[in-house]
């Protein structure tokens, strides 16, 4: 009997675990940071085990893996990759389908990724600067006219980015935040990356990678801002949608091919630069602009919530697919259904500023399923009394699946009503009005001089 170890216990991991259990007979073992009830149930169902431990401690994770004779491991959250959990598992001789610490540097060191793109002429580059002192950082902000995106070099759980005109009202606000990142060590001591602010529409392209070739997943658009109408503070993501043709209403096939070309080139560039291979899930965050597809950032794992969109429609053997990836010979044993999906994240009252924790929730699972929706538990805990309680981050992801985005949105919205308690969600995600706003934005771009649709080789 094959044994699969998943490291992590959020909504993204619940989606991965569910897809694994639906398509293979492997026993599920999970190194968890909290008692996720959905993942725990899957472990019990397959004869596996979920153990709560310090998932950022490679030795603890490795001990759990060794004790259970794990056949294949996948470390999911970004911070576990930076901590070297994959490296420790590989050191024990356990096939591992998540990137090493060196490979995941594409995510946890934003300056490294930008420099790699520049050195190896990877498409999608933008103006940027990497700074560890305030004076040159402020000068670069002035040089860009204050139209900037400011990012800590290291990991911040998707909440460290500040953008002028959205989070930063003035040039002085931008300079103040750049100084704060440098002096306070937000995201670590690597300093701050300041980039030109782009005008366009963001989208996510995720792909399996064995270090040489990639297999792309459906395009997804996430919604980072907390409140309806795209306002409020940054979050880890309030929800996302994908279309039945695996593209997006504003992003046709040539945008998909360009994203794949860029991601393949960054994987190849990483190998040329280091001699190592990126084996795992690579997540490209792109922006479609009037000047083509630009890279916002790379992540070294599934997105959250984007994993819920793609894993909910994956049909096949995820264990076999990830195992082939770990061996450097990628063969996807399955496919993604031609279905549209809409994910809506239910979050605690007060999120993302100060979440109301420890609040009891009631979830009517049969009614959620009756609406044709899937439910993924995230920052939520089942206590000894058998009840569910909110933790500090996003609580539950609800995914509607249908032939069209509109139908999927209606299913997700109806299913959200069957979660009772002090949680809320963005009701506009996946609605026709919000999607049309995206399309109209792209249609407002002036025509490009060069059409890259015929230039999408993946070499």
Protein backbone atom coordinates (compact mmCIF):
# COMPACT_ATOMS: atom_id res chain seq x y z
CA UNK A 1 0.00 0.00 0.00
CA UNK A 2 1.40 3.39 -1.06
CA UNK A 3 1.63 6.06 1.64
CA UNK A 4 1.42 9.76 0.80
CA UNK A 5 2.62 12.46 3.18
CA UNK A 6 1.10 15.92 2.83
CA UNK A 7 2.64 18.74 4.86
CA UNK A 8 0.13 21.48 5.72
CA UNK A 9 -3.47 21.65 6.85
CA UNK A 10 -5.19 24.65 5.22
CA UNK A 11 -7.84 24.94 2.53
CA UNK A 12 -5.29 24.45 -0.23
CA UNK A 13 -4.11 21.24 1.43
CA UNK A 14 -7.68 19.99 1.88
CA UNK A 15 -8.18 20.41 -1.89
CA UNK A 16 -4.95 18.52 -2.64
CA UNK A 17 -5.83 15.76 -0.19
CA UNK A 18 -9.34 15.37 -1.59
CA UNK A 19 -8.06 15.09 -5.17
CA UNK A 20 -5.45 12.55 -4.09
CA UNK A 21 -7.96 10.37 -2.27
CA UNK A 22 -10.49 10.50 -5.13
CA UNK A 23 -7.96 9.28 -7.71
CA UNK A 24 -5.69 6.82 -5.91
CA UNK A 25 -5.73 4.15 -3.22
CA UNK A 26 -2.82 5.61 -1.29
CA UNK A 27 -3.07 6.05 2.46
CA UNK A 28 -3.03 9.72 3.45
CA UNK A 29 -0.68 10.93 6.16
CA UNK A 30 -0.64 14.60 7.09
CA UNK A 31 1.80 16.68 9.10
CA UNK A 32 -0.56 19.40 10.29
CA UNK A 33 -0.38 22.72 12.09
CA UNK A 34 -4.04 22.49 13.17
CA UNK A 35 -6.79 19.90 13.42
CA UNK A 36 -8.45 20.40 10.03
CA UNK A 37 -11.63 18.29 10.20
CA UNK A 38 -11.90 17.68 6.46
CA UNK A 39 -8.32 16.45 6.12
CA UNK A 40 -8.59 14.41 9.31
CA UNK A 41 -11.64 12.60 7.94
CA UNK A 42 -9.73 11.72 4.75
CA UNK A 43 -6.82 10.32 6.77
CA UNK A 44 -9.18 8.11 8.75
CA UNK A 45 -11.00 6.99 5.61
CA UNK A 46 -7.79 5.83 3.93
CA UNK A 47 -6.25 4.24 7.01
CA UNK A 48 -3.64 6.95 7.38
CA UNK A 49 -2.92 9.46 10.14
CA UNK A 50 -2.88 13.19 10.80
CA UNK A 51 -0.39 14.46 13.36
CA UNK A 52 -0.17 17.99 14.70
CA UNK A 53 3.45 19.15 14.88
CA UNK A 54 5.73 22.04 13.93
CA UNK A 55 5.48 21.75 10.15
CA UNK A 56 8.33 24.26 9.76
CA UNK A 57 10.70 21.95 11.62
CA UNK A 58 12.26 19.61 9.02
CA UNK A 59 13.41 17.13 11.68
CA UNK A 60 9.91 16.72 13.14
CA UNK A 61 8.34 16.24 9.72
CA UNK A 62 11.07 13.78 8.70
CA UNK A 63 10.61 11.77 11.90
CA UNK A 64 6.88 11.43 11.19
CA UNK A 65 7.60 10.40 7.58
CA UNK A 66 10.21 7.84 8.57
CA UNK A 67 8.02 6.31 11.28
CA UNK A 68 5.27 5.70 8.71
CA UNK A 69 7.43 4.46 5.80
CA UNK A 70 6.16 7.18 3.47
CA UNK A 71 6.25 6.39 -0.28
CA UNK A 72 5.84 9.96 -1.57
CA UNK A 73 5.87 13.37 0.13
CA UNK A 74 4.58 16.81 -0.80
CA UNK A 75 5.32 19.84 1.35
CA UNK A 76 2.74 22.47 0.50
CA UNK A 77 2.97 25.84 2.36
CA UNK A 78 5.59 28.34 1.22
CA UNK A 79 7.22 28.73 4.64
CA UNK A 80 7.83 24.97 4.92
CA UNK A 81 9.69 25.07 1.61
CA UNK A 82 11.88 27.93 2.77
CA UNK A 83 12.52 26.02 6.00
CA UNK A 84 13.96 23.10 4.01
CA UNK A 85 11.32 20.45 4.73
CA UNK A 86 11.59 19.01 1.20
CA UNK A 87 15.38 18.82 1.50
CA UNK A 88 15.18 16.79 4.70
CA UNK A 89 12.70 14.34 3.19
CA UNK A 90 14.88 13.92 0.10
CA UNK A 91 17.88 13.38 2.38
CA UNK A 92 16.02 10.41 3.90
CA UNK A 93 15.53 8.93 0.43
CA UNK A 94 11.80 9.68 0.32
CA UNK A 95 10.53 10.64 -3.17
CA UNK A 96 9.39 14.25 -2.80
CA UNK A 97 7.24 16.21 -5.25
CA UNK A 98 7.80 19.67 -3.76
CA UNK A 99 10.77 21.92 -4.49
CA UNK A 100 13.93 22.13 -2.44
CA UNK A 101 14.79 25.24 -0.47
CA UNK A 102 17.11 26.36 -3.27
CA UNK A 103 14.43 25.90 -5.94
CA UNK A 104 11.70 27.56 -3.89
CA UNK A 105 13.93 30.63 -3.68
CA UNK A 106 12.01 31.74 -6.76
CA UNK A 107 9.27 32.60 -4.26
CA UNK A 108 10.94 33.44 -0.95
CA UNK A 109 13.53 35.75 -2.54
CA UNK A 110 11.77 38.10 -4.95
CA UNK A 111 15.03 39.86 -5.78
CA UNK A 112 16.61 36.53 -6.83
CA UNK A 113 13.72 35.82 -9.21
CA UNK A 114 13.93 39.29 -10.82
CA UNK A 115 17.71 39.06 -11.22
CA UNK A 116 17.41 35.60 -12.75
CA UNK A 117 14.87 36.88 -15.26
CA UNK A 118 17.15 39.76 -16.23
CA UNK A 119 20.32 37.67 -16.55
CA UNK A 120 18.68 34.99 -18.69
CA UNK A 121 16.43 37.31 -20.71
CA UNK A 122 13.18 35.76 -19.51
CA UNK A 123 10.15 37.57 -21.02
CA UNK A 124 7.70 39.51 -18.87
CA UNK A 125 10.26 41.73 -17.13
CA UNK A 126 9.41 45.07 -15.55
CA UNK A 127 11.39 47.93 -14.01
CA UNK A 128 12.45 47.09 -10.47
CA UNK A 129 15.03 47.81 -7.81
CA UNK A 130 16.27 45.87 -4.78
CA UNK A 131 17.24 47.99 -1.79
CA UNK A 132 18.56 47.48 1.73
CA UNK A 133 18.85 51.17 2.64
CA UNK A 134 16.29 53.94 2.62
CA UNK A 135 17.92 56.72 0.59
CA UNK A 136 18.30 54.84 -2.73
CA UNK A 137 14.87 53.25 -2.24
CA UNK A 138 13.28 56.68 -1.91
CA UNK A 139 15.19 57.93 -4.96
CA UNK A 140 13.89 55.03 -7.05
CA UNK A 141 10.33 55.76 -5.95
CA UNK A 142 10.85 59.34 -7.17
CA UNK A 143 12.31 58.03 -10.44
CA UNK A 144 9.15 56.00 -11.07
CA UNK A 145 6.99 59.01 -10.28
CA UNK A 146 5.53 57.32 -7.23
CA UNK A 147 3.74 54.70 -9.36
CA UNK A 148 5.10 51.69 -7.53
CA UNK A 149 4.45 48.29 -6.01
CA UNK A 150 6.46 47.74 -2.82
CA UNK A 151 7.25 44.18 -1.75
CA UNK A 152 9.28 42.72 1.10
CA UNK A 153 11.89 40.39 -0.39
CA UNK A 154 10.80 37.46 1.79
CA UNK A 155 7.54 35.71 2.59
CA UNK A 156 4.62 37.60 4.14
CA UNK A 157 1.72 35.22 3.57
CA UNK A 158 0.56 37.22 0.55
CA UNK A 159 -0.14 40.30 2.66
CA UNK A 160 3.06 42.35 2.44
CA UNK A 161 2.56 44.04 -0.92
CA UNK A 162 1.50 47.69 -0.99
CA UNK A 163 0.56 49.46 -4.22
CA UNK A 164 0.35 53.18 -4.86
CA UNK A 165 -3.16 54.41 -5.50
CA UNK A 166 -4.62 51.39 -3.71
CA UNK A 167 -2.87 51.08 -0.36
CA UNK A 168 -0.55 54.08 -0.60
CA UNK A 169 -2.16 57.47 -1.25
CA UNK A 170 0.97 59.58 -1.79
CA UNK A 171 4.65 59.31 -2.69
CA UNK A 172 5.44 59.97 0.95
CA UNK A 173 3.27 57.01 1.96
CA UNK A 174 5.26 54.82 -0.44
CA UNK A 175 8.57 56.02 0.97
CA UNK A 176 7.33 55.48 4.50
CA UNK A 177 6.32 51.89 3.78
CA UNK A 178 9.62 51.15 2.00
CA UNK A 179 11.43 52.44 5.09
CA UNK A 180 9.23 50.32 7.35
CA UNK A 181 10.04 47.16 5.38
CA UNK A 182 13.78 47.88 5.55
CA UNK A 183 13.93 48.91 9.20
CA UNK A 184 11.40 46.46 10.66
CA UNK A 185 12.54 43.46 8.65
CA UNK A 186 9.09 42.68 7.25
CA UNK A 187 9.49 39.40 5.36
CA UNK A 188 12.99 38.92 6.80
CA UNK A 189 16.18 40.93 6.45
CA UNK A 190 16.48 40.78 2.66
CA UNK A 191 15.30 44.35 2.15
CA UNK A 192 12.64 45.64 -0.20
CA UNK A 193 11.85 45.22 -3.88
CA UNK A 194 10.28 48.26 -5.54
CA UNK A 195 8.63 47.72 -8.90
CA UNK A 196 6.86 49.86 -11.43
CA UNK A 197 3.11 49.81 -10.92
CA UNK A 198 1.43 47.98 -13.77
CA UNK A 199 -2.01 48.64 -15.24
CA UNK A 200 -3.79 45.51 -16.29
CA UNK A 201 -5.58 42.36 -15.19
CA UNK A 202 -3.89 39.73 -13.06
CA UNK A 203 -4.22 36.00 -13.60
CA UNK A 204 -2.66 32.85 -12.20
CA UNK A 205 -1.16 29.98 -14.18
CA UNK A 206 -0.07 26.93 -12.20
CA UNK A 207 1.93 24.06 -13.65
CA UNK A 208 3.48 20.76 -12.64
CA UNK A 209 7.23 20.80 -13.29
CA UNK A 210 9.85 18.05 -13.25
CA UNK A 211 12.65 20.56 -13.79
CA UNK A 212 12.69 20.17 -17.56
CA UNK A 213 9.13 20.20 -18.80
CA UNK A 214 5.86 21.64 -17.52
CA UNK A 215 2.20 20.62 -17.60
CA UNK A 216 -0.10 23.61 -17.30
CA UNK A 217 -3.34 23.81 -15.33
CA UNK A 218 -6.42 25.98 -16.04
CA UNK A 219 -6.03 29.75 -15.71
CA UNK A 220 -7.50 31.26 -12.55
CA UNK A 221 -8.17 34.82 -11.41
CA UNK A 222 -7.85 35.51 -7.68
CA UNK A 223 -9.26 38.49 -5.76
CA UNK A 224 -6.76 39.81 -3.20
CA UNK A 225 -8.61 42.88 -1.93
CA UNK A 226 -10.91 42.27 1.00
CA UNK A 227 -14.11 44.05 0.04
CA UNK A 228 -16.60 44.03 -2.79
CA UNK A 229 -15.83 46.25 -5.74
CA UNK A 230 -12.09 45.54 -5.32
CA UNK A 231 -11.46 47.73 -2.30
CA UNK A 232 -9.94 47.40 1.12
CA UNK A 233 -6.71 45.85 2.43
CA UNK A 234 -4.77 42.98 0.91
CA UNK A 235 -5.68 39.45 1.97
CA UNK A 236 -4.42 35.98 1.20
CA UNK A 237 -7.20 35.84 -1.41
CA UNK A 238 -10.97 36.18 -0.98
CA UNK A 239 -11.91 33.87 -3.82
CA UNK A 240 -11.24 33.00 -7.43
CA UNK A 241 -12.78 31.67 -10.62
CA UNK A 242 -11.85 29.66 -13.71
CA UNK A 243 -13.64 29.05 -17.00
CA UNK A 244 -14.73 25.83 -18.69
CA UNK A 245 -12.27 26.33 -21.57
CA UNK A 246 -9.40 26.66 -19.04
CA UNK A 247 -8.76 30.23 -20.20
CA UNK A 248 -10.32 33.45 -18.85
CA UNK A 249 -12.83 35.85 -20.44
CA UNK A 250 -10.08 38.48 -20.84
CA UNK A 251 -7.16 36.07 -21.44
CA UNK A 252 -7.32 33.99 -24.66
CA UNK A 253 -5.08 31.11 -25.72
CA UNK A 254 -2.05 33.19 -26.69
CA UNK A 255 -1.91 34.62 -23.15
CA UNK A 256 -1.88 31.07 -21.80
CA UNK A 257 0.94 30.08 -24.16
CA UNK A 258 2.94 33.17 -23.23
CA UNK A 259 2.58 32.35 -19.54
CA UNK A 260 3.75 28.79 -20.18
CA UNK A 261 6.69 30.07 -22.24
CA UNK A 262 7.77 32.40 -19.42
CA UNK A 263 7.45 29.69 -16.77
CA UNK A 264 9.38 27.16 -18.84
CA UNK A 265 12.14 29.68 -19.38
CA UNK A 266 12.42 30.51 -15.67
CA UNK A 267 12.66 26.80 -14.81
CA UNK A 268 15.36 26.34 -17.46
CA UNK A 269 17.14 29.49 -16.28
CA UNK A 270 17.16 28.21 -12.71
CA UNK A 271 18.86 25.01 -13.90
CA UNK A 272 21.43 26.94 -15.95
CA UNK A 273 22.19 29.20 -13.01
CA UNK A 274 22.37 26.61 -10.22
CA UNK A 275 22.57 23.15 -11.77
CA UNK A 276 19.47 22.19 -9.77
CA UNK A 277 15.98 21.33 -10.93
CA UNK A 278 12.66 22.90 -9.98
CA UNK A 279 10.49 19.88 -9.20
CA UNK A 280 7.07 20.69 -7.86
CA UNK A 281 4.21 23.06 -8.63
CA UNK A 282 5.23 26.41 -10.10
CA UNK A 283 2.73 29.25 -9.81
CA UNK A 284 3.10 32.20 -12.15
CA UNK A 285 1.30 35.38 -11.16
CA UNK A 286 0.94 37.43 -14.34
CA UNK A 287 -0.61 40.68 -15.44
CA UNK A 288 -2.06 41.23 -18.89
CA UNK A 289 -1.11 44.79 -19.84
CA UNK A 290 -1.19 46.97 -22.94
CA UNK A 291 2.45 45.92 -23.45
CA UNK A 292 1.84 42.20 -23.13
CA UNK A 293 2.11 39.67 -20.32
CA UNK A 294 4.22 40.78 -17.37
CA UNK A 295 5.45 38.78 -14.36
CA UNK A 296 4.13 39.89 -10.99
CA UNK A 297 5.89 37.06 -9.14
CA UNK A 298 6.56 33.34 -9.06
CA UNK A 299 5.42 31.05 -6.26
CA UNK A 300 6.80 27.59 -5.59
CA UNK A 301 3.55 25.82 -4.70
CA UNK A 302 -0.17 25.74 -5.40
CA UNK A 303 -2.03 28.99 -4.87
CA UNK A 304 -4.60 29.42 -2.16
CA UNK A 305 -7.46 29.62 -3.16
CA UNK A 306 -6.42 28.75 -6.76
CA UNK A 307 -5.66 25.15 -5.77
CA UNK A 308 -9.35 24.69 -4.99
CA UNK A 309 -10.35 25.73 -8.51
CA UNK A 310 -8.00 23.34 -10.27
CA UNK A 311 -7.96 20.40 -7.86
CA UNK A 312 -11.76 20.31 -7.68
CA UNK A 313 -11.87 19.46 -11.41
CA UNK A 314 -8.80 17.22 -11.63
CA UNK A 315 -9.78 13.71 -12.66
CA UNK A 316 -7.06 11.10 -12.38
CA UNK A 317 -4.32 9.67 -10.21
CA UNK A 318 -2.62 12.59 -8.46
CA UNK A 319 -0.31 10.24 -6.56
CA UNK A 320 1.09 8.74 -9.76
CA UNK A 321 1.40 12.17 -11.37
CA UNK A 322 3.31 13.66 -8.44
CA UNK A 323 5.52 10.58 -8.17
CA UNK A 324 6.59 10.91 -11.81
CA UNK A 325 7.41 14.55 -11.16
CA UNK A 326 9.57 13.63 -8.16
CA UNK A 327 11.57 11.28 -10.39
CA UNK A 328 12.23 13.94 -13.03
CA UNK A 329 10.02 12.23 -15.63
CA UNK A 330 6.69 14.10 -15.62
CA UNK A 331 3.67 12.08 -16.73
CA UNK A 332 0.27 13.41 -15.72
CA UNK A 333 -2.09 10.51 -15.18
CA UNK A 334 -5.34 12.42 -15.55
CA UNK A 335 -6.92 15.59 -16.88
CA UNK A 336 -8.81 18.72 -15.85
CA UNK A 337 -12.53 18.65 -16.56
CA UNK A 338 -13.94 21.23 -18.95
CA UNK A 339 -15.91 22.90 -16.17
CA UNK A 340 -16.07 26.42 -14.78
CA UNK A 341 -15.40 26.95 -11.07
CA UNK A 342 -16.02 29.77 -8.60
CA UNK A 343 -14.43 29.73 -5.16
CA UNK A 344 -15.67 31.98 -2.36
CA UNK A 345 -13.74 32.16 0.89
CA UNK A 346 -15.71 32.54 4.11
CA UNK A 347 -13.54 34.49 6.56
CA UNK A 348 -13.91 35.44 10.26
CA UNK A 349 -15.42 38.75 11.26
CA UNK A 350 -12.61 41.29 11.51
CA UNK A 351 -10.45 39.61 8.85
CA UNK A 352 -7.87 40.62 7.66
CA UNK A 353 -7.23 43.30 10.31
CA UNK A 354 -8.09 41.46 13.54
CA UNK A 355 -9.98 38.21 13.10
CA UNK A 356 -12.57 37.07 15.61
CA UNK A 357 -11.20 33.68 16.69
CA UNK A 358 -12.63 30.78 18.66
CA UNK A 359 -16.15 31.35 17.33
CA UNK A 360 -18.45 28.36 16.88
CA UNK A 361 -19.67 27.53 13.37
CA UNK A 362 -22.41 25.29 12.04
CA UNK A 363 -21.85 23.67 8.63
CA UNK A 364 -24.63 21.79 6.82
CA UNK A 365 -22.48 19.55 4.61
CA UNK A 366 -25.35 17.69 2.86
CA UNK A 367 -26.93 20.99 1.79
CA UNK A 368 -23.61 22.30 0.44
CA UNK A 369 -23.21 19.12 -1.63
CA UNK A 370 -26.83 19.33 -2.76
CA UNK A 371 -26.02 22.68 -4.40
CA UNK A 372 -23.32 20.99 -6.52
CA UNK A 373 -20.56 22.67 -4.52
CA UNK A 374 -17.44 21.40 -2.80
CA UNK A 375 -16.32 22.56 0.61
CA UNK A 376 -12.71 22.87 1.77
CA UNK A 377 -11.90 23.53 5.41
CA UNK A 378 -9.06 25.99 5.97
CA UNK A 379 -8.27 27.98 9.14
CA UNK A 380 -10.77 26.11 11.25
CA UNK A 381 -10.44 23.60 14.06
CA UNK A 382 -12.54 20.75 15.37
CA UNK A 383 -12.29 20.57 19.15
CA UNK A 384 -12.95 17.71 21.53
CA UNK A 385 -16.61 18.71 21.85
CA UNK A 386 -17.06 17.86 18.16
CA UNK A 387 -17.79 21.45 17.15
CA UNK A 388 -16.01 23.66 14.61
CA UNK A 389 -14.32 26.92 15.63
CA UNK A 390 -12.73 29.78 13.70
CA UNK A 391 -8.99 30.39 13.81
CA UNK A 392 -7.28 33.61 12.74
CA UNK A 393 -7.22 33.29 8.94
CA UNK A 394 -9.59 32.34 6.11
CA UNK A 395 -12.06 29.76 7.36
CA UNK A 396 -13.80 27.76 4.61
CA UNK A 397 -13.60 27.69 0.82
CA UNK A 398 -16.79 26.93 -1.11
CA UNK A 399 -16.38 25.96 -4.77
CA UNK A 400 -19.25 25.89 -7.25
CA UNK A 401 -18.66 23.75 -10.36
CA UNK A 402 -20.77 24.06 -13.52
CA UNK A 403 -20.71 24.53 -17.29
CA UNK A 404 -20.45 28.32 -17.02
CA UNK A 405 -18.92 30.80 -14.59
CA UNK A 406 -22.36 32.29 -13.94
CA UNK A 407 -23.85 28.94 -12.97
CA UNK A 408 -20.84 28.08 -10.80
CA UNK A 409 -21.12 31.45 -9.06
CA UNK A 410 -24.79 30.86 -8.27
CA UNK A 411 -24.05 27.41 -6.85
CA UNK A 412 -21.21 28.73 -4.67
CA UNK A 413 -23.29 31.63 -3.38
CA UNK A 414 -26.22 29.38 -2.50
CA UNK A 415 -23.92 26.92 -0.73
CA UNK A 416 -22.33 29.68 1.38
CA UNK A 417 -25.71 30.19 3.07
CA UNK A 418 -25.36 26.78 4.73
CA UNK A 419 -22.42 27.89 6.88
CA UNK A 420 -23.79 29.62 9.97
CA UNK A 421 -21.72 31.76 12.32
CA UNK A 422 -19.62 34.96 12.47
CA UNK A 423 -18.09 34.66 8.99
CA UNK A 424 -18.51 36.69 5.79
CA UNK A 425 -17.46 36.59 2.14
CA UNK A 426 -17.23 38.66 -1.03
CA UNK A 427 -20.50 38.07 -2.85
CA UNK A 428 -19.33 39.70 -6.09
CA UNK A 429 -16.66 37.12 -7.00
CA UNK A 430 -17.60 35.35 -10.23
CA UNK A 431 -20.53 37.66 -10.99
CA UNK A 432 -21.16 38.81 -14.55
CA UNK A 433 -20.76 42.47 -13.61
CA UNK A 434 -17.32 42.04 -12.05
CA UNK A 435 -16.06 39.86 -14.90
CA UNK A 436 -17.34 42.33 -17.50
CA UNK A 437 -15.40 45.03 -15.65
CA UNK A 438 -12.22 42.96 -16.23
CA UNK A 439 -13.03 42.45 -19.89
CA UNK A 440 -13.78 46.14 -20.46
CA UNK A 441 -10.51 47.06 -18.80
CA UNK A 442 -8.55 44.90 -21.25
CA UNK A 443 -10.58 46.14 -24.22
CA UNK A 444 -9.57 49.69 -23.29
CA UNK A 445 -5.90 48.91 -24.00
CA UNK A 446 -4.49 50.45 -27.21
CA UNK A 447 -3.60 47.88 -29.90
CA UNK A 448 -0.14 46.36 -29.59
CA UNK A 449 2.48 46.71 -32.30
CA UNK A 450 3.66 43.14 -31.83
CA UNK A 451 1.37 40.16 -31.55
CA UNK A 452 3.17 37.39 -29.68
CA UNK A 453 0.50 34.77 -30.46
CA UNK A 454 2.79 33.18 -33.05
CA UNK A 455 5.79 33.23 -30.72
CA UNK A 456 4.94 30.72 -28.04
CA UNK A 457 7.58 28.02 -28.26
CA UNK A 458 8.24 26.55 -24.84
CA UNK A 459 11.99 26.06 -25.22
